[in-house]
Each structure stands twice: as structure tokens, then as C-alpha cells.
N, C-alpha and C. Protein backbone atom coordinates (compact mmCIF):
# COMPACT_ATOMS: atom_id res chain seq x y z
N MET A 1 -6.81 9.88 -15.17
CA MET A 1 -7.05 8.95 -13.99
C MET A 1 -8.36 8.79 -13.61
N VAL A 2 -9.29 10.00 -13.96
CA VAL A 2 -10.52 9.80 -13.49
C VAL A 2 -11.05 8.59 -14.24
N ARG A 3 -10.86 8.93 -15.98
CA ARG A 3 -11.51 8.01 -16.77
C ARG A 3 -11.11 6.42 -16.51
N ILE A 4 -9.80 6.47 -16.43
CA ILE A 4 -9.54 4.80 -16.08
C ILE A 4 -10.32 4.45 -14.78
N ALA A 5 -10.26 5.28 -13.84
CA ALA A 5 -10.99 4.44 -12.58
C ALA A 5 -12.42 4.30 -12.85
N HIS A 6 -12.96 5.20 -13.55
CA HIS A 6 -14.50 4.65 -14.16
C HIS A 6 -14.59 3.24 -14.91
N GLU A 7 -13.51 3.39 -15.83
CA GLU A 7 -13.64 2.11 -16.72
C GLU A 7 -13.39 0.94 -16.03
N ASN A 8 -12.58 0.90 -14.85
CA ASN A 8 -12.42 -0.35 -13.98
C ASN A 8 -13.06 -0.24 -12.84
N ASN A 9 -14.17 0.53 -12.48
CA ASN A 9 -15.12 0.45 -11.63
C ASN A 9 -14.49 0.58 -10.21
N LEU A 10 -13.48 1.49 -9.94
CA LEU A 10 -12.75 2.16 -8.89
C LEU A 10 -13.36 3.21 -8.42
N GLN A 11 -13.08 3.53 -7.24
CA GLN A 11 -13.28 4.91 -6.34
C GLN A 11 -12.46 6.05 -7.43
N VAL A 12 -12.96 7.24 -7.64
CA VAL A 12 -12.27 8.10 -8.42
C VAL A 12 -11.53 8.86 -7.64
N PRO A 13 -10.20 8.99 -8.06
CA PRO A 13 -8.97 9.62 -7.23
C PRO A 13 -9.50 10.88 -6.72
N VAL A 14 -9.11 11.50 -5.86
CA VAL A 14 -9.27 12.83 -4.88
C VAL A 14 -8.10 14.10 -5.34
N PHE A 15 -8.29 14.94 -6.02
CA PHE A 15 -7.13 16.26 -6.20
C PHE A 15 -7.57 16.94 -5.24
N ILE A 16 -6.64 17.41 -4.54
CA ILE A 16 -6.63 18.38 -3.39
C ILE A 16 -5.41 19.60 -3.52
N LEU A 17 -5.86 20.70 -3.81
CA LEU A 17 -4.77 21.64 -3.96
C LEU A 17 -5.02 22.85 -3.10
N ASP A 18 -4.00 22.79 -2.22
CA ASP A 18 -3.85 23.67 -0.93
C ASP A 18 -2.64 24.56 -1.33
N GLU A 19 -1.72 24.47 -0.32
CA GLU A 19 -0.59 25.14 -0.49
C GLU A 19 0.46 24.03 -1.20
N ASP A 20 0.14 22.83 -1.01
CA ASP A 20 0.51 21.67 -2.16
C ASP A 20 -0.65 21.02 -2.87
N PHE A 21 0.11 20.54 -3.60
CA PHE A 21 -1.04 19.40 -4.70
C PHE A 21 -0.80 17.89 -4.09
N LYS A 22 -1.94 17.30 -3.91
CA LYS A 22 -2.25 16.22 -3.47
C LYS A 22 -3.13 15.04 -4.19
N ILE A 23 -2.61 14.00 -4.35
CA ILE A 23 -3.87 13.08 -5.08
C ILE A 23 -4.06 11.89 -4.18
N ILE A 24 -5.21 11.62 -3.83
CA ILE A 24 -5.57 10.39 -3.17
C ILE A 24 -6.05 9.22 -4.11
N ILE A 25 -5.37 8.15 -3.91
CA ILE A 25 -5.61 7.21 -5.23
C ILE A 25 -6.04 5.89 -4.46
N TYR A 26 -7.28 5.24 -4.97
CA TYR A 26 -7.83 4.31 -4.01
C TYR A 26 -7.59 2.97 -4.90
N ARG A 27 -7.25 1.91 -4.18
CA ARG A 27 -6.96 0.49 -4.53
C ARG A 27 -8.07 -0.37 -4.25
N PRO A 28 -8.18 -1.18 -5.29
CA PRO A 28 -9.39 -2.22 -4.93
C PRO A 28 -8.95 -3.10 -3.84
N CYS A 29 -10.17 -3.48 -3.14
CA CYS A 29 -9.69 -4.02 -1.65
C CYS A 29 -9.82 -5.72 -2.34
N THR A 30 -8.70 -6.35 -2.08
CA THR A 30 -8.54 -7.73 -2.31
C THR A 30 -8.33 -8.47 -0.88
N ASP A 31 -8.84 -9.80 -0.86
CA ASP A 31 -8.40 -10.77 0.04
C ASP A 31 -7.36 -11.77 -0.20
N GLN A 32 -6.30 -11.28 -0.42
CA GLN A 32 -5.34 -12.32 -0.93
C GLN A 32 -4.02 -12.59 -0.23
N ALA A 33 -3.90 -12.00 0.81
CA ALA A 33 -3.13 -12.75 1.82
C ALA A 33 -3.14 -14.09 2.10
N SER A 34 -2.03 -14.60 1.95
CA SER A 34 -2.03 -16.18 2.40
C SER A 34 -2.37 -16.48 3.78
N MET A 35 -2.50 -17.56 3.73
CA MET A 35 -2.88 -18.12 5.29
C MET A 35 -1.84 -18.16 6.11
N ASN A 36 -0.71 -18.15 5.77
CA ASN A 36 0.81 -17.93 6.46
C ASN A 36 1.00 -16.69 7.30
N TYR A 37 0.65 -15.80 6.59
CA TYR A 37 0.60 -14.37 6.91
C TYR A 37 -0.64 -14.07 7.98
N ARG A 38 -1.87 -14.80 7.80
CA ARG A 38 -2.69 -14.13 8.45
C ARG A 38 -2.65 -14.99 9.71
N SER A 39 -2.06 -16.43 9.99
CA SER A 39 -2.01 -16.98 11.46
C SER A 39 -0.92 -15.92 11.91
N THR A 40 0.35 -15.63 11.21
CA THR A 40 1.20 -14.88 12.21
C THR A 40 0.49 -13.39 12.69
N SER A 41 -0.10 -12.82 11.67
CA SER A 41 -0.47 -11.45 12.36
C SER A 41 -1.77 -11.94 13.50
N VAL A 42 -2.27 -13.00 13.46
CA VAL A 42 -3.11 -12.84 14.70
C VAL A 42 -2.32 -13.15 15.79
N GLU A 43 -1.24 -14.13 15.93
CA GLU A 43 -0.40 -14.22 16.85
C GLU A 43 0.42 -13.19 17.38
N VAL A 44 0.80 -12.30 16.29
CA VAL A 44 1.40 -10.95 16.70
C VAL A 44 0.75 -10.11 17.28
N ARG A 45 -0.99 -9.94 16.98
CA ARG A 45 -2.18 -9.06 17.42
C ARG A 45 -2.06 -9.66 19.01
N ASN A 46 -2.02 -10.81 19.15
CA ASN A 46 -2.41 -11.32 20.22
C ASN A 46 -1.05 -10.79 21.59
N LEU A 47 -0.14 -11.08 20.83
CA LEU A 47 1.17 -10.83 21.72
C LEU A 47 1.03 -9.18 22.15
N ILE A 48 0.88 -8.28 21.10
CA ILE A 48 0.77 -6.73 21.33
C ILE A 48 -0.26 -6.46 22.37
N ASN A 49 -1.31 -7.13 22.41
CA ASN A 49 -2.75 -7.05 22.99
C ASN A 49 -2.36 -7.42 24.51
N ALA A 50 -1.39 -8.45 24.75
CA ALA A 50 -0.85 -8.87 25.82
C ALA A 50 -0.06 -8.32 26.73
N LEU A 51 0.70 -7.44 26.12
CA LEU A 51 1.88 -6.74 26.66
C LEU A 51 1.48 -5.56 27.17
N ASN A 52 2.05 -5.23 28.75
CA ASN A 52 1.66 -4.41 29.28
C ASN A 52 2.80 -3.89 30.22
N ASP A 53 3.26 -2.65 29.72
CA ASP A 53 4.55 -1.93 30.08
C ASP A 53 5.48 -3.17 30.11
N GLU A 54 6.54 -3.24 31.23
CA GLU A 54 7.64 -4.28 30.90
C GLU A 54 7.04 -5.51 31.65
N MET A 55 7.15 -6.63 30.71
CA MET A 55 6.69 -8.09 31.48
C MET A 55 7.75 -9.14 31.41
N SER A 56 7.99 -9.96 32.15
CA SER A 56 9.20 -10.89 31.87
C SER A 56 8.69 -12.04 30.90
N ARG A 57 9.80 -12.94 30.67
CA ARG A 57 9.15 -13.86 29.66
C ARG A 57 8.22 -14.77 30.26
N LYS A 58 8.31 -15.35 31.50
CA LYS A 58 7.36 -16.00 32.31
C LYS A 58 5.86 -15.15 32.36
N GLU A 59 5.84 -14.00 32.48
CA GLU A 59 4.73 -13.28 32.32
C GLU A 59 3.95 -13.37 31.33
N ILE A 60 4.74 -13.08 29.99
CA ILE A 60 4.23 -12.96 28.91
C ILE A 60 3.74 -14.37 28.34
N GLN A 61 4.45 -15.49 28.87
CA GLN A 61 4.38 -16.94 28.60
C GLN A 61 2.64 -17.05 29.20
N GLN A 62 2.54 -16.60 30.40
CA GLN A 62 1.29 -16.96 30.95
C GLN A 62 -0.09 -16.28 30.55
N VAL A 63 0.35 -14.97 29.99
CA VAL A 63 -0.70 -14.29 29.28
C VAL A 63 -1.14 -14.83 27.92
N MET A 64 -0.08 -15.17 27.33
CA MET A 64 -0.49 -16.04 25.93
C MET A 64 -0.66 -17.30 26.01
N ASP A 65 -0.72 -17.82 27.05
CA ASP A 65 -1.08 -19.51 27.15
C ASP A 65 -0.09 -20.19 26.52
N LEU A 66 1.23 -19.83 26.85
CA LEU A 66 2.37 -20.74 26.08
C LEU A 66 2.91 -21.39 27.33
N LYS A 67 3.14 -22.74 26.92
CA LYS A 67 3.48 -23.77 28.21
C LYS A 67 4.73 -23.87 28.48
N GLN A 68 5.54 -24.28 27.20
CA GLN A 68 6.73 -24.64 26.97
C GLN A 68 7.88 -23.39 26.88
N ALA A 69 8.55 -23.35 27.80
CA ALA A 69 9.59 -22.02 27.84
C ALA A 69 10.81 -22.43 26.55
N GLY A 70 10.90 -23.67 26.06
CA GLY A 70 12.06 -23.71 24.93
C GLY A 70 11.31 -23.45 23.90
N ASN A 71 10.09 -23.72 23.49
CA ASN A 71 9.39 -23.19 22.38
C ASN A 71 9.44 -21.38 22.15
N PHE A 72 9.36 -21.09 23.47
CA PHE A 72 8.85 -19.44 23.17
C PHE A 72 10.43 -19.18 23.22
N ARG A 73 11.26 -19.48 23.80
CA ARG A 73 12.71 -18.69 23.50
C ARG A 73 13.09 -19.20 21.89
N GLU A 74 13.13 -20.16 21.37
CA GLU A 74 13.37 -20.66 19.86
C GLU A 74 12.50 -20.02 18.84
N ASN A 75 11.50 -19.78 19.15
CA ASN A 75 10.32 -19.28 18.18
C ASN A 75 10.01 -17.73 18.31
């Protein structure tokens, strides 16, 4: 594993031997998420940030700056 990591310019795995045997394997960082997932992620993150305890649909719409109730209910 260590040799292959070196050959591919990856971070070397970490081997931990305590009560259990663990290996931490690092993957290369890629920026391959499609734009569809990114825009959804931003919207979901905004919704999560907007929620405070219990909120009504109207309160969520106001915080998210969503004007049309029909769109909010259907999507």
C-alpha cells in the first residue's frame, strides 16, 4: 500500500495498532461534482442554516426569500 501510494503521489496510509488494527487511507481530492449537485447542495445548506427550531412554511419561505407558496409546496 505504501509503495503504491508513493508511485501515485498519494498520501501514505496510516497504520494504527492499538486494541484494534486500523488503516487510514487517503484518497486524492477531486472537484468532479456536477453543477446539479452543487446548486442543490447550496440550496440545502441555506435551508439548514435558515431553520431555527420549529418554523411554519410561511416563516421558512420568508427566511429563504421564496415568494410563491405553490413552488415551495411542489418542489
